[in-house]
PDB file of all heavy atoms in Angstrom:
ATOM      1  N   GLY A   1     106.379  -0.616  29.411  1.00  0.00           N
ATOM      2  CA  GLY A   1     107.466  -1.024  28.402  1.00  0.00           C
ATOM      3  C   GLY A   1     106.994  -1.208  27.056  1.00  0.00           C
ATOM      4  O   GLY A   1     107.531  -0.744  26.080  1.00  0.00           O
ATOM      5  N   VAL A   2     105.758  -1.721  26.922  1.00  0.00           N
ATOM      6  CA  VAL A   2     105.043  -1.811  25.596  1.00  0.00           C
ATOM      7  C   VAL A   2     104.893  -0.399  24.972  1.00  0.00           C
ATOM      8  O   VAL A   2     105.185  -0.237  23.765  1.00  0.00           O
ATOM      9  CB  VAL A   2     103.670  -2.569  25.694  1.00  0.00           C
ATOM     10  CG1 VAL A   2     102.943  -2.366  24.492  1.00  0.00           C
ATOM     11  CG2 VAL A   2     103.930  -4.026  26.014  1.00  0.00           C
ATOM     12  N   ILE A   3     104.584   0.625  25.756  1.00  0.00           N
ATOM     13  CA  ILE A   3     104.297   1.835  25.233  1.00  0.00           C
ATOM     14  C   ILE A   3     105.685   2.592  24.877  1.00  0.00           C
ATOM     15  O   ILE A   3     105.730   3.122  23.789  1.00  0.00           O
ATOM     16  CB  ILE A   3     103.623   2.818  26.295  1.00  0.00           C
ATOM     17  CG1 ILE A   3     102.140   2.438  26.528  1.00  0.00           C
ATOM     18  CG2 ILE A   3     103.739   4.312  25.855  1.00  0.00           C
ATOM     19  CD1 ILE A   3     101.537   3.078  27.678  1.00  0.00           C
ATOM     20  N   VAL A   4     106.626   2.245  25.570  1.00  0.00           N
ATOM     21  CA  VAL A   4     108.007   2.871  25.315  1.00  0.00           C
ATOM     22  C   VAL A   4     108.560   2.172  23.942  1.00  0.00           C
ATOM     23  O   VAL A   4     108.992   2.941  23.156  1.00  0.00           O
ATOM     24  CB  VAL A   4     109.025   2.656  26.453  1.00  0.00           C
ATOM     25  CG1 VAL A   4     110.408   3.019  26.039  1.00  0.00           C
ATOM     26  CG2 VAL A   4     108.561   3.565  27.592  1.00  0.00           C
ATOM     27  N   ILE A   5     108.448   0.980  23.875  1.00  0.00           N
ATOM     28  CA  ILE A   5     109.000   0.197  22.723  1.00  0.00           C
ATOM     29  C   ILE A   5     108.138   0.573  21.547  1.00  0.00           C
ATOM     30  O   ILE A   5     108.757   0.873  20.361  1.00  0.00           O
ATOM     31  CB  ILE A   5     108.999  -1.321  22.964  1.00  0.00           C
ATOM     32  CG1 ILE A   5     110.010  -1.742  23.950  1.00  0.00           C
ATOM     33  CG2 ILE A   5     109.154  -2.122  21.650  1.00  0.00           C
ATOM     34  CD1 ILE A   5     109.798  -3.181  24.518  1.00  0.00           C
ATOM     35  N   SER A   6     106.860   0.704  21.702  1.00  0.00           N
ATOM     36  CA  SER A   6     106.069   1.161  20.493  1.00  0.00           C
ATOM     37  C   SER A   6     106.429   2.593  20.047  1.00  0.00           C
ATOM     38  O   SER A   6     106.425   2.848  18.885  1.00  0.00           O
ATOM     39  CB  SER A   6     104.516   1.048  20.874  1.00  0.00           C
ATOM     40  OG  SER A   6     104.111  -0.247  21.054  1.00  0.00           O
ATOM     41  N   LEU A   7     106.513   3.365  21.113  1.00  0.00           N
ATOM     42  CA  LEU A   7     106.891   4.833  20.756  1.00  0.00           C
ATOM     43  C   LEU A   7     108.196   4.851  20.003  1.00  0.00           C
ATOM     44  O   LEU A   7     108.357   5.583  18.859  1.00  0.00           O
ATOM     45  CB  LEU A   7     107.104   5.599  22.112  1.00  0.00           C
ATOM     46  CG  LEU A   7     107.446   7.056  21.921  1.00  0.00           C
ATOM     47  CD1 LEU A   7     106.436   7.791  21.140  1.00  0.00           C
ATOM     48  CD2 LEU A   7     107.662   7.759  23.258  1.00  0.00           C
ATOM     49  N   LEU A   8     109.212   4.071  20.411  1.00  0.00           N
ATOM     50  CA  LEU A   8     110.526   4.023  19.701  1.00  0.00           C
ATOM     51  C   LEU A   8     110.387   3.504  18.296  1.00  0.00           C
ATOM     52  O   LEU A   8     110.852   3.957  17.328  1.00  0.00           O
ATOM     53  CB  LEU A   8     111.533   3.263  20.539  1.00  0.00           C
ATOM     54  CG  LEU A   8     111.937   3.946  21.859  1.00  0.00           C
ATOM     55  CD1 LEU A   8     112.896   3.050  22.543  1.00  0.00           C
ATOM     56  CD2 LEU A   8     112.680   5.264  21.575  1.00  0.00           C
ATOM     57  N   TYR A   9     109.651   2.359  18.200  1.00  0.00           N
ATOM     58  CA  TYR A   9     109.604   1.603  16.886  1.00  0.00           C
ATOM     59  C   TYR A   9     108.663   2.257  15.917  1.00  0.00           C
ATOM     60  O   TYR A   9     109.055   2.668  14.888  1.00  0.00           O
ATOM     61  CB  TYR A   9     109.229   0.138  17.095  1.00  0.00           C
ATOM     62  CG  TYR A   9     109.377  -0.609  15.836  1.00  0.00           C
ATOM     63  CD1 TYR A   9     110.620  -1.011  15.339  1.00  0.00           C
ATOM     64  CD2 TYR A   9     108.238  -0.884  15.081  1.00  0.00           C
ATOM     65  CE1 TYR A   9     110.764  -1.534  14.209  1.00  0.00           C
ATOM     66  CE2 TYR A   9     108.298  -1.565  13.819  1.00  0.00           C
ATOM     67  CZ  TYR A   9     109.568  -1.847  13.387  1.00  0.00           C
ATOM     68  OH  TYR A   9     109.666  -2.509  12.155  1.00  0.00           O
ATOM     69  N   GLN A  10     107.382   2.465  16.346  1.00  0.00           N
ATOM     70  CA  GLN A  10     106.326   3.019  15.451  1.00  0.00           C
ATOM     71  C   GLN A  10     106.810   4.478  15.160  1.00  0.00           C
ATOM     72  O   GLN A  10     106.654   5.001  14.104  1.00  0.00           O
ATOM     73  CB  GLN A  10     105.018   2.950  15.918  1.00  0.00           C
ATOM     74  CG  GLN A  10     104.262   1.673  15.459  1.00  0.00           C
ATOM     75  CD  GLN A  10     104.793   0.393  16.004  1.00  0.00           C
ATOM     76  OE1 GLN A  10     105.017   0.180  17.097  1.00  0.00           O
ATOM     77  NE2 GLN A  10     105.067  -0.506  15.017  1.00  0.00           N
ATOM     78  N   GLY A  11     107.274   5.221  16.240  1.00  0.00           N
ATOM     79  CA  GLY A  11     107.636   6.550  16.009  1.00  0.00           C
ATOM     80  C   GLY A  11     108.833   6.667  15.196  1.00  0.00           C
ATOM     81  O   GLY A  11     108.811   7.546  14.236  1.00  0.00           O
ATOM     82  N   GLY A  12     109.715   5.776  15.320  1.00  0.00           N
ATOM     83  CA  GLY A  12     110.896   5.847  14.430  1.00  0.00           C
ATOM     84  C   GLY A  12     110.579   5.395  12.968  1.00  0.00           C
ATOM     85  O   GLY A  12     111.068   6.040  11.965  1.00  0.00           O
ATOM     86  N   MET A  13     109.678   4.482  12.811  1.00  0.00           N
ATOM     87  CA  MET A  13     109.171   4.111  11.432  1.00  0.00           C
ATOM     88  C   MET A  13     108.523   5.373  10.778  1.00  0.00           C
ATOM     89  O   MET A  13     108.637   5.569   9.589  1.00  0.00           O
ATOM     90  CB  MET A  13     108.321   2.840  11.470  1.00  0.00           C
ATOM     91  CG  MET A  13     109.076   1.663  11.894  1.00  0.00           C
ATOM     92  SD  MET A  13     110.514   1.206  10.803  1.00  0.00           S
ATOM     93  CE  MET A  13     109.708   1.161   9.250  1.00  0.00           C
ATOM     94  N   ALA A  14     107.637   6.007  11.636  1.00  0.00           N
ATOM     95  CA  ALA A  14     106.931   7.100  11.042  1.00  0.00           C
ATOM     96  C   ALA A  14     107.896   8.148  10.598  1.00  0.00           C
ATOM     97  O   ALA A  14     107.821   8.782   9.443  1.00  0.00           O
ATOM     98  CB  ALA A  14     105.969   7.689  12.050  1.00  0.00           C
ATOM     99  N   LEU A  15     108.798   8.444  11.367  1.00  0.00           N
ATOM    100  CA  LEU A  15     109.871   9.427  11.082  1.00  0.00           C
ATOM    101  C   LEU A  15     110.652   8.985   9.768  1.00  0.00           C
ATOM    102  O   LEU A  15     111.019   9.789   8.789  1.00  0.00           O
ATOM    103  CB  LEU A  15     110.828   9.620  12.173  1.00  0.00           C
ATOM    104  CG  LEU A  15     111.921  10.786  12.045  1.00  0.00           C
ATOM    105  CD1 LEU A  15     111.301  12.068  11.824  1.00  0.00           C
ATOM    106  CD2 LEU A  15     112.798  10.765  13.237  1.00  0.00           C
ATOM    107  N   TYR A  16     111.098   7.639   9.739  1.00  0.00           N
ATOM    108  CA  TYR A  16     111.785   7.121   8.590  1.00  0.00           C
ATOM    109  C   TYR A  16     110.936   7.289   7.281  1.00  0.00           C
ATOM    110  O   TYR A  16     111.459   7.686   6.319  1.00  0.00           O
ATOM    111  CB  TYR A  16     111.953   5.665   8.746  1.00  0.00           C
ATOM    112  CG  TYR A  16     112.588   4.963   7.671  1.00  0.00           C
ATOM    113  CD1 TYR A  16     113.999   4.987   7.296  1.00  0.00           C
ATOM    114  CD2 TYR A  16     111.835   4.123   6.842  1.00  0.00           C
ATOM    115  CE1 TYR A  16     114.535   4.423   6.216  1.00  0.00           C
ATOM    116  CE2 TYR A  16     112.334   3.535   5.747  1.00  0.00           C
ATOM    117  CZ  TYR A  16     113.721   3.621   5.439  1.00  0.00           C
ATOM    118  OH  TYR A  16     114.218   2.933   4.358  1.00  0.00           O
ATOM    119  N   PHE A  17     109.671   6.930   7.271  1.00  0.00           N
ATOM    120  CA  PHE A  17     108.877   7.069   6.120  1.00  0.00           C
ATOM    121  C   PHE A  17     108.728   8.477   5.715  1.00  0.00           C
ATOM    122  O   PHE A  17     108.659   8.894   4.598  1.00  0.00           O
ATOM    123  CB  PHE A  17     107.503   6.349   6.349  1.00  0.00           C
ATOM    124  CG  PHE A  17     107.620   4.829   6.230  1.00  0.00           C
ATOM    125  CD1 PHE A  17     107.107   4.044   7.191  1.00  0.00           C
ATOM    126  CD2 PHE A  17     108.281   4.225   5.109  1.00  0.00           C
ATOM    127  CE1 PHE A  17     107.238   2.702   7.108  1.00  0.00           C
ATOM    128  CE2 PHE A  17     108.474   2.872   5.071  1.00  0.00           C
ATOM    129  CZ  PHE A  17     108.033   2.093   6.062  1.00  0.00           C
ATOM    130  N   ARG A  18     108.381   9.327   6.790  1.00  0.00           N
ATOM    131  CA  ARG A  18     108.310  10.761   6.548  1.00  0.00           C
ATOM    132  C   ARG A  18     109.467  11.357   5.739  1.00  0.00           C
ATOM    133  O   ARG A  18     109.287  12.257   5.000  1.00  0.00           O
ATOM    134  CB  ARG A  18     108.008  11.456   7.899  1.00  0.00           C
ATOM    135  CG  ARG A  18     107.676  12.877   7.710  1.00  0.00           C
ATOM    136  CD  ARG A  18     106.228  13.147   7.447  1.00  0.00           C
ATOM    137  NE  ARG A  18     105.858  14.490   7.566  1.00  0.00           N
ATOM    138  CZ  ARG A  18     105.723  15.384   6.593  1.00  0.00           C
ATOM    139  NH1 ARG A  18     106.083  15.046   5.334  1.00  0.00           N
ATOM    140  NH2 ARG A  18     105.479  16.674   6.755  1.00  0.00           N
ATOM    141  N   ARG A  19     110.683  10.938   6.218  1.00  0.00           N
ATOM    142  CA  ARG A  19     111.803  11.455   5.566  1.00  0.00           C
ATOM    143  C   ARG A  19     112.004  10.928   4.118  1.00  0.00           C
ATOM    144  O   ARG A  19     113.022  11.423   3.477  1.00  0.00           O
ATOM    145  CB  ARG A  19     113.071  11.180   6.443  1.00  0.00           C
ATOM    146  CG  ARG A  19     113.170  11.916   7.759  1.00  0.00           C
ATOM    147  CD  ARG A  19     114.271  11.665   8.569  1.00  0.00           C
ATOM    148  NE  ARG A  19     114.275  12.495   9.657  1.00  0.00           N
ATOM    149  CZ  ARG A  19     115.104  12.378  10.676  1.00  0.00           C
ATOM    150  NH1 ARG A  19     116.015  11.427  10.757  1.00  0.00           N
ATOM    151  NH2 ARG A  19     115.117  13.200  11.701  1.00  0.00           N
ATOM    152  N   ARG A  20     111.232  10.068   3.724  1.00  0.00           N
ATOM    153  CA  ARG A  20     111.380   9.561   2.396  1.00  0.00           C
ATOM    154  C   ARG A  20     110.616  10.560   1.379  1.00  0.00           C
ATOM    155  O   ARG A  20     110.786  10.539   0.198  1.00  0.00           O
ATOM    156  CB  ARG A  20     110.729   8.152   2.191  1.00  0.00           C
ATOM    157  CG  ARG A  20     111.469   7.014   3.025  1.00  0.00           C
ATOM    158  CD  ARG A  20     112.901   6.663   2.634  1.00  0.00           C
ATOM    159  NE  ARG A  20     113.849   7.568   3.108  1.00  0.00           N
ATOM    160  CZ  ARG A  20     114.538   7.552   4.243  1.00  0.00           C
ATOM    161  NH1 ARG A  20     114.158   6.668   5.302  1.00  0.00           N
ATOM    162  NH2 ARG A  20     115.493   8.403   4.572  1.00  0.00           N
ATOM    163  N   GLY A  21     109.970  11.455   1.970  1.00  0.00           N
ATOM    164  CA  GLY A  21     109.197  12.435   1.028  1.00  0.00           C
ATOM    165  C   GLY A  21     110.095  13.171   0.179  1.00  0.00           C
ATOM    166  O   GLY A  21     109.760  13.297  -1.051  1.00  0.00           O
ATOM    167  N   PRO A  22     111.094  13.875   0.608  1.00  0.00           N
ATOM    168  CA  PRO A  22     111.945  14.625  -0.311  1.00  0.00           C
ATOM    169  C   PRO A  22     112.675  13.661  -1.225  1.00  0.00           C
ATOM    170  O   PRO A  22     113.038  14.073  -2.348  1.00  0.00           O
ATOM    171  CB  PRO A  22     113.013  15.233   0.604  1.00  0.00           C
ATOM    172  CG  PRO A  22     112.338  15.324   1.985  1.00  0.00           C
ATOM    173  CD  PRO A  22     111.473  14.115   2.038  1.00  0.00           C
ATOM    174  N   VAL A  23     112.887  12.405  -0.925  1.00  0.00           N
ATOM    175  CA  VAL A  23     113.620  11.385  -1.824  1.00  0.00           C
ATOM    176  C   VAL A  23     112.600  11.168  -2.978  1.00  0.00           C
ATOM    177  O   VAL A  23     113.024  11.018  -4.187  1.00  0.00           O
ATOM    178  CB  VAL A  23     114.005  10.148  -1.059  1.00  0.00           C
ATOM    179  CG1 VAL A  23     114.521   9.122  -2.021  1.00  0.00           C
ATOM    180  CG2 VAL A  23     114.918  10.458   0.015  1.00  0.00           C
ATOM    181  N   VAL A  24     111.331  11.038  -2.671  1.00  0.00           N
ATOM    182  CA  VAL A  24     110.363  10.732  -3.636  1.00  0.00           C
ATOM    183  C   VAL A  24     110.293  11.900  -4.631  1.00  0.00           C
ATOM    184  O   VAL A  24     110.207  11.884  -5.812  1.00  0.00           O
ATOM    185  CB  VAL A  24     108.921  10.403  -3.105  1.00  0.00           C
ATOM    186  CG1 VAL A  24     107.879  10.313  -4.171  1.00  0.00           C
ATOM    187  CG2 VAL A  24     109.064   9.110  -2.369  1.00  0.00           C
ATOM    188  N   ASP A  25     110.200  13.157  -3.978  1.00  0.00           N
ATOM    189  CA  ASP A  25     110.129  14.449  -4.827  1.00  0.00           C
ATOM    190  C   ASP A  25     111.383  14.516  -5.788  1.00  0.00           C
ATOM    191  O   ASP A  25     111.135  14.850  -6.954  1.00  0.00           O
ATOM    192  CB  ASP A  25     110.195  15.556  -3.904  1.00  0.00           C
ATOM    193  CG  ASP A  25     108.781  15.714  -3.032  1.00  0.00           C
ATOM    194  OD1 ASP A  25     107.762  15.113  -3.505  1.00  0.00           O
ATOM    195  OD2 ASP A  25     108.895  16.464  -2.156  1.00  0.00           O
ATOM    196  N   ARG A  26     112.456  14.167  -5.251  1.00  0.00           N
ATOM    197  CA  ARG A  26     113.758  14.297  -6.224  1.00  0.00           C
ATOM    198  C   ARG A  26     113.626  13.173  -7.217  1.00  0.00           C
ATOM    199  O   ARG A  26     114.030  13.507  -8.417  1.00  0.00           O
ATOM    200  CB  ARG A  26     114.964  14.170  -5.245  1.00  0.00           C
ATOM    201  CG  ARG A  26     116.201  14.189  -6.107  1.00  0.00           C
ATOM    202  CD  ARG A  26     117.375  14.070  -5.238  1.00  0.00           C
ATOM    203  NE  ARG A  26     118.687  14.214  -6.038  1.00  0.00           N
ATOM    204  CZ  ARG A  26     119.773  13.734  -5.583  1.00  0.00           C
ATOM    205  NH1 ARG A  26     119.963  13.262  -4.378  1.00  0.00           N
ATOM    206  NH2 ARG A  26     120.918  13.962  -6.375  1.00  0.00           N
ATOM    207  N   TYR A  27     113.165  12.101  -6.902  1.00  0.00           N
ATOM    208  CA  TYR A  27     113.060  10.957  -7.806  1.00  0.00           C
ATOM    209  C   TYR A  27     112.122  11.363  -8.971  1.00  0.00           C
ATOM    210  O   TYR A  27     112.447  11.111 -10.159  1.00  0.00           O
ATOM    211  CB  TYR A  27     112.614   9.660  -7.062  1.00  0.00           C
ATOM    212  CG  TYR A  27     112.453   8.379  -7.913  1.00  0.00           C
ATOM    213  CD1 TYR A  27     113.578   7.820  -8.565  1.00  0.00           C
ATOM    214  CD2 TYR A  27     111.188   7.809  -8.102  1.00  0.00           C
ATOM    215  CE1 TYR A  27     113.392   6.677  -9.236  1.00  0.00           C
ATOM    216  CE2 TYR A  27     111.082   6.699  -8.821  1.00  0.00           C
ATOM    217  CZ  TYR A  27     112.210   6.090  -9.417  1.00  0.00           C
ATOM    218  OH  TYR A  27     112.063   4.891 -10.103  1.00  0.00           O
ATOM    219  N   VAL A  28     111.061  11.877  -8.589  1.00  0.00           N
ATOM    220  CA  VAL A  28     110.052  12.232  -9.553  1.00  0.00           C
ATOM    221  C   VAL A  28     110.495  13.413 -10.479  1.00  0.00           C
ATOM    222  O   VAL A  28     110.328  13.473 -11.680  1.00  0.00           O
ATOM    223  CB  VAL A  28     108.652  12.601  -8.950  1.00  0.00           C
ATOM    224  CG1 VAL A  28     107.686  13.257  -9.859  1.00  0.00           C
ATOM    225  CG2 VAL A  28     108.099  11.315  -8.322  1.00  0.00           C
ATOM    226  N   ARG A  29     111.169  14.314  -9.768  1.00  0.00           N
ATOM    227  CA  ARG A  29     111.636  15.500 -10.492  1.00  0.00           C
ATOM    228  C   ARG A  29     112.858  15.185 -11.476  1.00  0.00           C
ATOM    229  O   ARG A  29     112.871  15.840 -12.543  1.00  0.00           O
ATOM    230  CB  ARG A  29     112.170  16.455  -9.407  1.00  0.00           C
ATOM    231  CG  ARG A  29     112.392  17.907  -9.972  1.00  0.00           C
ATOM    232  CD  ARG A  29     112.797  18.979  -8.870  1.00  0.00           C
ATOM    233  NE  ARG A  29     113.993  18.457  -8.014  1.00  0.00           N
ATOM    234  CZ  ARG A  29     113.900  18.039  -6.758  1.00  0.00           C
ATOM    235  NH1 ARG A  29     112.718  17.997  -6.197  1.00  0.00           N
ATOM    236  NH2 ARG A  29     114.974  17.655  -6.109  1.00  0.00           N
ATOM    237  N   GLU A  30     113.735  14.278 -11.147  1.00  0.00           N
ATOM    238  CA  GLU A  30     114.975  14.057 -11.906  1.00  0.00           C
ATOM    239  C   GLU A  30     114.946  12.811 -12.712  1.00  0.00           C
ATOM    240  O   GLU A  30     115.771  12.680 -13.653  1.00  0.00           O
ATOM    241  CB  GLU A  30     116.169  13.914 -10.968  1.00  0.00           C
ATOM    242  CG  GLU A  30     116.309  15.217 -10.208  1.00  0.00           C
ATOM    243  CD  GLU A  30     117.707  15.101  -9.329  1.00  0.00           C
ATOM    244  OE1 GLU A  30     118.538  14.169  -9.473  1.00  0.00           O
ATOM    245  OE2 GLU A  30     117.868  15.984  -8.425  1.00  0.00           O
ATOM    246  N   VAL A  31     113.933  11.942 -12.590  1.00  0.00           N
ATOM    247  CA  VAL A  31     113.865  10.764 -13.432  1.00  0.00           C
ATOM    248  C   VAL A  31     112.755  10.826 -14.360  1.00  0.00           C
ATOM    249  O   VAL A  31     111.578  11.031 -13.885  1.00  0.00           O
ATOM    250  CB  VAL A  31     113.788   9.491 -12.517  1.00  0.00           C
ATOM    251  CG1 VAL A  31     113.698   8.200 -13.294  1.00  0.00           C
ATOM    252  CG2 VAL A  31     115.036   9.407 -11.670  1.00  0.00           C
ATOM    253  N   PRO A  32     112.921  10.603 -15.666  1.00  0.00           N
ATOM    254  CA  PRO A  32     111.793  10.594 -16.612  1.00  0.00           C
ATOM    255  C   PRO A  32     110.831   9.571 -16.261  1.00  0.00           C
ATOM    256  O   PRO A  32     111.130   8.530 -15.761  1.00  0.00           O
ATOM    257  CB  PRO A  32     112.404  10.403 -17.996  1.00  0.00           C
ATOM    258  CG  PRO A  32     113.913  10.599 -17.748  1.00  0.00           C
ATOM    259  CD  PRO A  32     114.201  10.436 -16.290  1.00  0.00           C
ATOM    260  N   GLU A  33     109.627   9.740 -16.647  1.00  0.00           N
ATOM    261  CA  GLU A  33     108.659   8.822 -16.270  1.00  0.00           C
ATOM    262  C   GLU A  33     108.843   7.476 -16.954  1.00  0.00           C
ATOM    263  O   GLU A  33     108.588   6.524 -16.343  1.00  0.00           O
ATOM    264  CB  GLU A  33     107.156   9.386 -16.759  1.00  0.00           C
ATOM    265  CG  GLU A  33     106.124   8.529 -16.314  1.00  0.00           C
ATOM    266  CD  GLU A  33     104.694   9.110 -16.640  1.00  0.00           C
ATOM    267  OE1 GLU A  33     104.536  10.228 -16.996  1.00  0.00           O
ATOM    268  OE2 GLU A  33     103.691   8.306 -16.744  1.00  0.00           O
TER     269      GLU A  33
END
């Protein structure tokens, strides 16, 4: 159960942070320093 919960939580968090990459790119590209 610990493995399954960790897979869901840490895996989900990794995916969430990974998907912020394009958001950061857009932010840097469209917003002046």
